[in-house]
Amino acid sequence: MSHPPDARLPPISFAHATFSKLHKYALGAQLQRQSIEIVELVAASKRGVGAKSIRKAVAVLWLSLCCVPLTAIAKAKPGRYLIDAKGETVLDTTTKPTWQRVVAPQTYKWQSAKDTCKALVTAGGGWRLPTVRELRSLIDFGHSDPAIDKMAFPNTPSQFFWSATASSGSSSGAWNVGFSNGNSHSNDFTNLYRVRCVR
């Protein structure tokens, strides 16, 4: 079905700018898939796809974003993080897990990352590799390079960190989170990334 000229999108730059602003806050695999879908729709608009389809996709993404905890988008609230007396661990009083405060300088493949956390004996042990959702909860857009609370987590490199969340539909990849700007990606198990453990 063809669309009258006035039913189509405004110039492509408008749609792309709208997507770019939303993508900045697309937290997690589901939202990223939706943002990719919007990019495809924006590209399709050049071929005659009407504005209605794109507006619907943007609305779905926006509604999903409304469900993301604001702590994962805004600057961390004062007092959110409690550092133990030895300076080894950080309790997140909002989401409740306890984090390894200072990370090792090495990079690891995915399985080695999981094994490293399991073997960690800091503050009594009991550590594991965090899920991608847990890891993304540390992203703090009040900071950049790294995008994390620098007092609670000093010397955090602006690099990618492994999560324990395997890629959906893949037997050879898992999600990682970049602490330069908070982006998430799915990459092969053999890639070398940093590790921050949680319990």
C-alpha atoms as a PDB file:
ATOM      1  CA  MET A   1       0.000   0.000   0.000  1.00  0.00           C
ATOM      2  CA  SER A   2       1.419   3.380  -0.969  1.00  0.00           C
ATOM      3  CA  HIS A   3       1.433   6.376   1.352  1.00  0.00           C
ATOM      4  CA  PRO A   4       0.553   9.929   0.388  1.00  0.00           C
ATOM      5  CA  PRO A   5       3.549  12.270   0.619  1.00  0.00           C
ATOM      6  CA  ASP A   6       2.346  13.911   3.828  1.00  0.00           C
ATOM      7  CA  ALA A   7       2.109  10.528   5.610  1.00  0.00           C
ATOM      8  CA  ARG A   8       5.796   9.826   5.243  1.00  0.00           C
ATOM      9  CA  LEU A   9       8.574  10.727   7.610  1.00  0.00           C
ATOM     10  CA  PRO A  10      10.126  14.155   7.775  1.00  0.00           C
ATOM     11  CA  PRO A  11      13.645  14.283   6.332  1.00  0.00           C
ATOM     12  CA  ILE A  12      15.763  11.241   7.241  1.00  0.00           C
ATOM     13  CA  SER A  13      18.048  13.363   9.428  1.00  0.00           C
ATOM     14  CA  PHE A  14      15.145  13.986  11.825  1.00  0.00           C
ATOM     15  CA  ALA A  15      14.438  10.276  12.275  1.00  0.00           C
ATOM     16  CA  HIS A  16      18.112   9.495  12.686  1.00  0.00           C
ATOM     17  CA  ALA A  17      18.538  12.200  15.323  1.00  0.00           C
ATOM     18  CA  THR A  18      15.521  10.875  17.235  1.00  0.00           C
ATOM     19  CA  PHE A  19      16.954   7.371  17.189  1.00  0.00           C
ATOM     20  CA  SER A  20      20.383   8.578  18.295  1.00  0.00           C
ATOM     21  CA  LYS A  21      18.966  10.277  21.379  1.00  0.00           C
ATOM     22  CA  LEU A  22      16.967   7.179  22.350  1.00  0.00           C
ATOM     23  CA  HIS A  23      19.807   4.758  21.641  1.00  0.00           C
ATOM     24  CA  LYS A  24      22.001   6.534  24.201  1.00  0.00           C
ATOM     25  CA  TYR A  25      19.716   5.195  26.909  1.00  0.00           C
ATOM     26  CA  ALA A  26      18.922   1.770  25.418  1.00  0.00           C
ATOM     27  CA  LEU A  27      19.840  -0.461  28.330  1.00  0.00           C
ATOM     28  CA  GLY A  28      19.975  -4.224  27.820  1.00  0.00           C
ATOM     29  CA  ALA A  29      19.675  -6.718  25.012  1.00  0.00           C
ATOM     30  CA  GLN A  30      15.946  -6.324  24.345  1.00  0.00           C
ATOM     31  CA  LEU A  31      16.151  -2.554  24.031  1.00  0.00           C
ATOM     32  CA  GLN A  32      19.205  -2.757  21.839  1.00  0.00           C
ATOM     33  CA  ARG A  33      17.380  -5.118  19.481  1.00  0.00           C
ATOM     34  CA  GLN A  34      14.523  -2.620  19.319  1.00  0.00           C
ATOM     35  CA  SER A  35      16.904   0.241  18.602  1.00  0.00           C
ATOM     36  CA  ILE A  36      18.479  -1.768  15.780  1.00  0.00           C
ATOM     37  CA  GLU A  37      14.987  -2.335  14.408  1.00  0.00           C
ATOM     38  CA  ILE A  38      14.440   1.417  14.375  1.00  0.00           C
ATOM     39  CA  VAL A  39      17.655   1.928  12.437  1.00  0.00           C
ATOM     40  CA  GLU A  40      16.399  -0.552   9.867  1.00  0.00           C
ATOM     41  CA  LEU A  41      13.077   1.268   9.669  1.00  0.00           C
ATOM     42  CA  VAL A  42      14.810   4.607   9.246  1.00  0.00           C
ATOM     43  CA  ALA A  43      16.790   3.154   6.371  1.00  0.00           C
ATOM     44  CA  ALA A  44      13.599   1.680   4.938  1.00  0.00           C
ATOM     45  CA  SER A  45      11.958   5.100   4.972  1.00  0.00           C
ATOM     46  CA  LYS A  46      14.207   6.004   2.070  1.00  0.00           C
ATOM     47  CA  ARG A  47      12.471   3.237   0.151  1.00  0.00           C
ATOM     48  CA  GLY A  48       8.985   4.533   0.941  1.00  0.00           C
ATOM     49  CA  VAL A  49       8.080   3.111   4.364  1.00  0.00           C
ATOM     50  CA  GLY A  50       5.551   5.405   6.018  1.00  0.00           C
ATOM     51  CA  ALA A  51       6.014   7.336   9.240  1.00  0.00           C
ATOM     52  CA  LYS A  52       3.375   5.280  11.062  1.00  0.00           C
ATOM     53  CA  SER A  53       5.569   2.179  11.251  1.00  0.00           C
ATOM     54  CA  ILE A  54       8.562   4.098  12.522  1.00  0.00           C
ATOM     55  CA  ARG A  55       6.528   6.012  15.102  1.00  0.00           C
ATOM     56  CA  LYS A  56       5.180   2.688  16.402  1.00  0.00           C
ATOM     57  CA  ALA A  57       8.699   1.254  16.783  1.00  0.00           C
ATOM     58  CA  VAL A  58       9.916   4.408  18.545  1.00  0.00           C
ATOM     59  CA  ALA A  59       6.921   4.227  20.898  1.00  0.00           C
ATOM     60  CA  VAL A  60       7.715   0.616  21.796  1.00  0.00           C
ATOM     61  CA  LEU A  61      11.315   1.540  22.577  1.00  0.00           C
ATOM     62  CA  TRP A  62      10.245   4.550  24.633  1.00  0.00           C
ATOM     63  CA  LEU A  63       7.781   2.503  26.693  1.00  0.00           C
ATOM     64  CA  SER A  64      10.496  -0.043  27.370  1.00  0.00           C
ATOM     65  CA  LEU A  65      12.838   2.681  28.492  1.00  0.00           C
ATOM     66  CA  CYS A  66      10.242   3.861  30.992  1.00  0.00           C
ATOM     67  CA  CYS A  67      10.625   0.505  32.748  1.00  0.00           C
ATOM     68  CA  VAL A  68      14.398   0.840  33.206  1.00  0.00           C
ATOM     69  CA  PRO A  69      15.407   1.925  36.746  1.00  0.00           C
ATOM     70  CA  LEU A  70      16.456   5.566  36.738  1.00  0.00           C
ATOM     71  CA  THR A  71      19.511   4.597  38.789  1.00  0.00           C
ATOM     72  CA  ALA A  72      20.885   3.046  35.611  1.00  0.00           C
ATOM     73  CA  ILE A  73      20.447   6.280  33.642  1.00  0.00           C
ATOM     74  CA  ALA A  74      21.076   9.195  35.960  1.00  0.00           C
ATOM     75  CA  LYS A  75      23.978  10.054  38.190  1.00  0.00           C
ATOM     76  CA  ALA A  76      24.260   7.795  41.222  1.00  0.00           C
ATOM     77  CA  LYS A  77      22.588   9.186  44.343  1.00  0.00           C
ATOM     78  CA  PRO A  78      24.864  10.249  47.202  1.00  0.00           C
ATOM     79  CA  GLY A  79      25.190   7.386  49.669  1.00  0.00           C
ATOM     80  CA  ARG A  80      24.177   4.716  47.148  1.00  0.00           C
ATOM     81  CA  TYR A  81      27.466   2.867  47.559  1.00  0.00           C
ATOM     82  CA  LEU A  82      28.900   1.687  50.890  1.00  0.00           C
ATOM     83  CA  ILE A  83      32.593   0.809  50.935  1.00  0.00           C
ATOM     84  CA  ASP A  84      33.758  -1.738  53.510  1.00  0.00           C
ATOM     85  CA  ALA A  85      36.347  -0.830  56.139  1.00  0.00           C
ATOM     86  CA  LYS A  86      39.193  -2.494  54.224  1.00  0.00           C
ATOM     87  CA  GLY A  87      38.237  -0.819  50.943  1.00  0.00           C
ATOM     88  CA  GLU A  88      37.838  -4.191  49.218  1.00  0.00           C
ATOM     89  CA  THR A  89      34.112  -4.347  48.504  1.00  0.00           C
ATOM     90  CA  VAL A  90      31.251  -2.009  47.615  1.00  0.00           C
ATOM     91  CA  LEU A  91      27.634  -2.610  48.649  1.00  0.00           C
ATOM     92  CA  ASP A  92      25.066  -1.150  46.256  1.00  0.00           C
ATOM     93  CA  THR A  93      22.274  -0.073  48.592  1.00  0.00           C
ATOM     94  CA  THR A  94      19.891   0.394  45.638  1.00  0.00           C
ATOM     95  CA  THR A  95      20.176  -2.947  43.857  1.00  0.00           C
ATOM     96  CA  LYS A  96      21.706  -4.774  46.889  1.00  0.00           C
ATOM     97  CA  PRO A  97      24.622  -6.826  45.476  1.00  0.00           C
ATOM     98  CA  THR A  98      28.171  -6.451  46.782  1.00  0.00           C
ATOM     99  CA  TRP A  99      30.866  -5.690  44.220  1.00  0.00           C
ATOM    100  CA  GLN A 100      34.593  -6.216  43.980  1.00  0.00           C
ATOM    101  CA  ARG A 101      35.902  -2.674  44.341  1.00  0.00           C
ATOM    102  CA  VAL A 102      39.209  -2.759  42.472  1.00  0.00           C
ATOM    103  CA  VAL A 103      39.576  -4.974  39.421  1.00  0.00           C
ATOM    104  CA  ALA A 104      42.595  -7.011  38.349  1.00  0.00           C
ATOM    105  CA  PRO A 105      44.760  -5.569  35.553  1.00  0.00           C
ATOM    106  CA  GLN A 106      44.440  -8.698  33.397  1.00  0.00           C
ATOM    107  CA  THR A 107      41.963  -9.437  30.635  1.00  0.00           C
ATOM    108  CA  TYR A 108      40.216 -12.790  30.308  1.00  0.00           C
ATOM    109  CA  LYS A 109      38.322 -15.017  27.920  1.00  0.00           C
ATOM    110  CA  TRP A 110      34.733 -15.646  29.021  1.00  0.00           C
ATOM    111  CA  GLN A 111      35.208 -19.018  30.729  1.00  0.00           C
ATOM    112  CA  SER A 112      38.343 -17.808  32.469  1.00  0.00           C
ATOM    113  CA  ALA A 113      36.405 -14.742  33.647  1.00  0.00           C
ATOM    114  CA  LYS A 114      33.804 -16.977  35.290  1.00  0.00           C
ATOM    115  CA  ASP A 115      36.470 -19.203  36.838  1.00  0.00           C
ATOM    116  CA  THR A 116      38.387 -16.168  38.142  1.00  0.00           C
ATOM    117  CA  CYS A 117      35.363 -14.832  40.018  1.00  0.00           C
ATOM    118  CA  LYS A 118      34.532 -18.249  41.426  1.00  0.00           C
ATOM    119  CA  ALA A 119      38.073 -18.586  42.772  1.00  0.00           C
ATOM    120  CA  LEU A 120      38.284 -15.049  44.199  1.00  0.00           C
ATOM    121  CA  VAL A 121      38.843 -15.168  47.977  1.00  0.00           C
ATOM    122  CA  THR A 122      38.640 -11.415  48.670  1.00  0.00           C
ATOM    123  CA  ALA A 123      36.505 -10.648  51.751  1.00  0.00           C
ATOM    124  CA  GLY A 124      35.584 -14.284  52.311  1.00  0.00           C
ATOM    125  CA  GLY A 125      34.883 -15.400  48.732  1.00  0.00           C
ATOM    126  CA  GLY A 126      31.492 -16.370  47.298  1.00  0.00           C
ATOM    127  CA  TRP A 127      31.989 -14.329  44.120  1.00  0.00           C
ATOM    128  CA  ARG A 128      30.634 -14.847  40.596  1.00  0.00           C
ATOM    129  CA  LEU A 129      30.602 -13.101  37.228  1.00  0.00           C
ATOM    130  CA  PRO A 130      27.663 -10.624  37.127  1.00  0.00           C
ATOM    131  CA  THR A 131      24.778 -10.807  34.679  1.00  0.00           C
ATOM    132  CA  VAL A 132      24.626  -8.127  32.001  1.00  0.00           C
ATOM    133  CA  ARG A 133      21.718  -6.486  33.859  1.00  0.00           C
ATOM    134  CA  GLU A 134      23.741  -6.328  37.082  1.00  0.00           C
ATOM    135  CA  LEU A 135      26.776  -4.979  35.286  1.00  0.00           C
ATOM    136  CA  ARG A 136      24.762  -2.306  33.494  1.00  0.00           C
ATOM    137  CA  SER A 137      23.351  -1.134  36.831  1.00  0.00           C
ATOM    138  CA  LEU A 138      26.816   0.298  37.560  1.00  0.00           C
ATOM    139  CA  ILE A 139      26.727   2.583  34.528  1.00  0.00           C
ATOM    140  CA  ASP A 140      26.587   6.191  35.699  1.00  0.00           C
ATOM    141  CA  PHE A 141      25.950   8.796  33.001  1.00  0.00           C
ATOM    142  CA  GLY A 142      27.009  11.479  35.440  1.00  0.00           C
ATOM    143  CA  HIS A 143      30.543  10.354  34.611  1.00  0.00           C
ATOM    144  CA  SER A 144      32.417   9.356  31.477  1.00  0.00           C
ATOM    145  CA  ASP A 145      35.649   7.553  30.670  1.00  0.00           C
ATOM    146  CA  PRO A 146      34.797   5.658  32.814  1.00  0.00           C
ATOM    147  CA  ALA A 147      31.012   5.896  33.113  1.00  0.00           C
ATOM    148  CA  ILE A 148      30.955   4.752  36.738  1.00  0.00           C
ATOM    149  CA  ASP A 149      31.109   6.305  40.193  1.00  0.00           C
ATOM    150  CA  LYS A 150      34.840   6.962  40.433  1.00  0.00           C
ATOM    151  CA  MET A 151      34.885   7.274  44.222  1.00  0.00           C
ATOM    152  CA  ALA A 152      33.224   3.919  44.775  1.00  0.00           C
ATOM    153  CA  PHE A 153      35.129   2.156  41.983  1.00  0.00           C
ATOM    154  CA  PRO A 154      38.546   3.856  41.619  1.00  0.00           C
ATOM    155  CA  ASN A 155      40.830   3.211  38.669  1.00  0.00           C
ATOM    156  CA  THR A 156      38.124   1.501  36.624  1.00  0.00           C
ATOM    157  CA  PRO A 157      39.406   1.276  33.042  1.00  0.00           C
ATOM    158  CA  SER A 158      37.256   2.615  30.215  1.00  0.00           C
ATOM    159  CA  GLN A 159      37.145  -0.840  28.690  1.00  0.00           C
ATOM    160  CA  PHE A 160      34.719  -3.716  28.158  1.00  0.00           C
ATOM    161  CA  PHE A 161      33.835  -6.080  31.010  1.00  0.00           C
ATOM    162  CA  TRP A 162      32.459  -9.601  30.658  1.00  0.00           C
ATOM    163  CA  SER A 163      29.014 -10.530  31.956  1.00  0.00           C
ATOM    164  CA  ALA A 164      27.790 -14.065  32.669  1.00  0.00           C
ATOM    165  CA  THR A 165      24.871 -13.601  30.248  1.00  0.00           C
ATOM    166  CA  ALA A 166      25.296 -15.778  27.182  1.00  0.00           C
ATOM    167  CA  SER A 167      24.081 -14.450  23.846  1.00  0.00           C
ATOM    168  CA  SER A 168      20.576 -15.529  22.903  1.00  0.00           C
ATOM    169  CA  GLY A 169      20.605 -17.921  19.975  1.00  0.00           C
ATOM    170  CA  SER A 170      24.383 -18.330  20.062  1.00  0.00           C
ATOM    171  CA  SER A 171      26.523 -21.060  21.564  1.00  0.00           C
ATOM    172  CA  SER A 172      29.784 -19.145  21.270  1.00  0.00           C
ATOM    173  CA  GLY A 173      29.191 -15.644  22.623  1.00  0.00           C
ATOM    174  CA  ALA A 174      28.202 -13.586  25.668  1.00  0.00           C
ATOM    175  CA  TRP A 175      27.337  -9.983  26.541  1.00  0.00           C
ATOM    176  CA  ASN A 176      29.855  -7.438  27.691  1.00  0.00           C
ATOM    177  CA  VAL A 177      29.509  -3.843  28.899  1.00  0.00           C
ATOM    178  CA  GLY A 178      31.802  -0.974  27.959  1.00  0.00           C
ATOM    179  CA  PHE A 179      32.612   1.495  30.720  1.00  0.00           C
ATOM    180  CA  SER A 180      33.695   4.237  28.371  1.00  0.00           C
ATOM    181  CA  ASN A 181      30.105   5.179  27.502  1.00  0.00           C
ATOM    182  CA  GLY A 182      27.904   2.326  28.763  1.00  0.00           C
ATOM    183  CA  ASN A 183      27.383   0.447  25.498  1.00  0.00           C
ATOM    184  CA  SER A 184      26.699  -3.297  25.529  1.00  0.00           C
ATOM    185  CA  HIS A 185      27.753  -5.820  22.915  1.00  0.00           C
ATOM    186  CA  SER A 186      27.641  -9.549  22.316  1.00  0.00           C
ATOM    187  CA  ASN A 187      31.000 -11.033  21.408  1.00  0.00           C
ATOM    188  CA  ASP A 188      32.766 -14.360  21.049  1.00  0.00           C
ATOM    189  CA  PHE A 189      33.851 -16.239  24.181  1.00  0.00           C
ATOM    190  CA  THR A 190      37.485 -15.993  23.049  1.00  0.00           C
ATOM    191  CA  ASN A 191      37.615 -12.186  23.215  1.00  0.00           C
ATOM    192  CA  LEU A 192      39.692 -10.711  26.025  1.00  0.00           C
ATOM    193  CA  TYR A 193      37.878  -8.351  28.406  1.00  0.00           C
ATOM    194  CA  ARG A 194      38.144  -7.093  31.985  1.00  0.00           C
ATOM    195  CA  VAL A 195      36.341  -8.614  34.961  1.00  0.00           C
ATOM    196  CA  ARG A 196      34.511  -7.207  38.002  1.00  0.00           C
ATOM    197  CA  CYS A 197      33.032  -9.831  40.308  1.00  0.00           C
ATOM    198  CA  VAL A 198      29.830  -9.655  42.344  1.00  0.00           C
ATOM    199  CA  ARG A 199      28.123 -11.615  45.098  1.00  0.00           C
END
